[in-house]
Amino acid sequence: MQLPEDPMMLLSFVNMKLRDEYDSLQALCDDLELDEAWLTTKLADAGFEYNPDTNKFW
């Protein structure tokens, strides 16, 4: 799967998937075959962090 390069678009895409289809970041990464550390770092570099309680990056 090709992910958006732009950090804001990536944030929107990931949060939409987390909201609509997955109950955790791990489930999303497992299903889409993404490296969770890479995704977390990519969004952290843009100023976002994952909150497991709300299941979204903010």
C-alpha atoms as a PDB file:
ATOM      1  CA  MET A   1       0.000   0.000   0.000  1.00  0.00           C
ATOM      2  CA  GLN A   2       1.297   3.430  -0.941  1.00  0.00           C
ATOM      3  CA  LEU A   3       1.014   5.832   1.989  1.00  0.00           C
ATOM      4  CA  PRO A   4       0.770   9.608   1.631  1.00  0.00           C
ATOM      5  CA  GLU A   5       4.172  11.332   1.763  1.00  0.00           C
ATOM      6  CA  ASP A   6       2.844  14.561   3.263  1.00  0.00           C
ATOM      7  CA  PRO A   7       2.779  14.282   7.092  1.00  0.00           C
ATOM      8  CA  MET A   8      -0.640  15.943   7.405  1.00  0.00           C
ATOM      9  CA  MET A   9      -2.155  13.651   4.790  1.00  0.00           C
ATOM     10  CA  LEU A  10      -0.507  10.651   6.471  1.00  0.00           C
ATOM     11  CA  LEU A  11      -1.925  11.741   9.828  1.00  0.00           C
ATOM     12  CA  SER A  12      -5.396  12.082   8.351  1.00  0.00           C
ATOM     13  CA  PHE A  13      -5.178   8.710   6.592  1.00  0.00           C
ATOM     14  CA  VAL A  14      -3.905   6.840   9.671  1.00  0.00           C
ATOM     15  CA  ASN A  15      -6.427   8.432  12.045  1.00  0.00           C
ATOM     16  CA  MET A  16      -9.279   7.672   9.642  1.00  0.00           C
ATOM     17  CA  LYS A  17      -8.195   4.023   9.468  1.00  0.00           C
ATOM     18  CA  LEU A  18      -7.844   3.844  13.257  1.00  0.00           C
ATOM     19  CA  ARG A  19     -11.270   5.389  13.754  1.00  0.00           C
ATOM     20  CA  ASP A  20     -13.115   3.355  11.132  1.00  0.00           C
ATOM     21  CA  GLU A  21     -11.353   0.001  10.856  1.00  0.00           C
ATOM     22  CA  TYR A  22      -8.822  -0.799  13.605  1.00  0.00           C
ATOM     23  CA  ASP A  23      -8.958  -0.939  17.374  1.00  0.00           C
ATOM     24  CA  SER A  24      -5.218  -0.368  17.809  1.00  0.00           C
ATOM     25  CA  LEU A  25      -2.129   0.915  16.045  1.00  0.00           C
ATOM     26  CA  GLN A  26      -0.652  -2.578  16.160  1.00  0.00           C
ATOM     27  CA  ALA A  27      -3.702  -4.025  14.372  1.00  0.00           C
ATOM     28  CA  LEU A  28      -3.442  -1.363  11.652  1.00  0.00           C
ATOM     29  CA  CYS A  29       0.286  -1.971  11.155  1.00  0.00           C
ATOM     30  CA  ASP A  30      -0.123  -5.757  11.129  1.00  0.00           C
ATOM     31  CA  ASP A  31      -2.924  -5.647   8.576  1.00  0.00           C
ATOM     32  CA  LEU A  32      -1.275  -3.085   6.284  1.00  0.00           C
ATOM     33  CA  GLU A  33       2.184  -4.647   6.782  1.00  0.00           C
ATOM     34  CA  LEU A  34       3.671  -1.418   8.133  1.00  0.00           C
ATOM     35  CA  ASP A  35       6.573  -1.051  10.521  1.00  0.00           C
ATOM     36  CA  GLU A  36       4.965   0.436  13.629  1.00  0.00           C
ATOM     37  CA  ALA A  37       8.228   2.061  14.764  1.00  0.00           C
ATOM     38  CA  TRP A  38       8.688   3.699  11.351  1.00  0.00           C
ATOM     39  CA  LEU A  39       5.122   5.053  11.301  1.00  0.00           C
ATOM     40  CA  THR A  40       5.330   6.312  14.880  1.00  0.00           C
ATOM     41  CA  THR A  41       8.667   8.009  14.188  1.00  0.00           C
ATOM     42  CA  LYS A  42       7.469   9.538  10.906  1.00  0.00           C
ATOM     43  CA  LEU A  43       4.478  11.116  12.629  1.00  0.00           C
ATOM     44  CA  ALA A  44       6.505  12.059  15.725  1.00  0.00           C
ATOM     45  CA  ASP A  45       8.913  13.962  13.475  1.00  0.00           C
ATOM     46  CA  ALA A  46       5.888  16.008  12.366  1.00  0.00           C
ATOM     47  CA  GLY A  47       4.918  16.657  15.995  1.00  0.00           C
ATOM     48  CA  PHE A  48       2.291  13.946  16.546  1.00  0.00           C
ATOM     49  CA  GLU A  49       2.173  11.135  19.062  1.00  0.00           C
ATOM     50  CA  TYR A  50      -0.053   8.096  19.351  1.00  0.00           C
ATOM     51  CA  ASN A  51      -2.465   7.921  22.262  1.00  0.00           C
ATOM     52  CA  PRO A  52      -3.628   4.316  22.810  1.00  0.00           C
ATOM     53  CA  ASP A  53      -6.492   5.458  25.084  1.00  0.00           C
ATOM     54  CA  THR A  54      -8.134   7.405  22.247  1.00  0.00           C
ATOM     55  CA  ASN A  55      -6.599   5.249  19.484  1.00  0.00           C
ATOM     56  CA  LYS A  56      -5.379   8.206  17.454  1.00  0.00           C
ATOM     57  CA  PHE A  57      -2.396  10.388  16.760  1.00  0.00           C
ATOM     58  CA  TRP A  58      -2.614  13.967  18.017  1.00  0.00           C
END
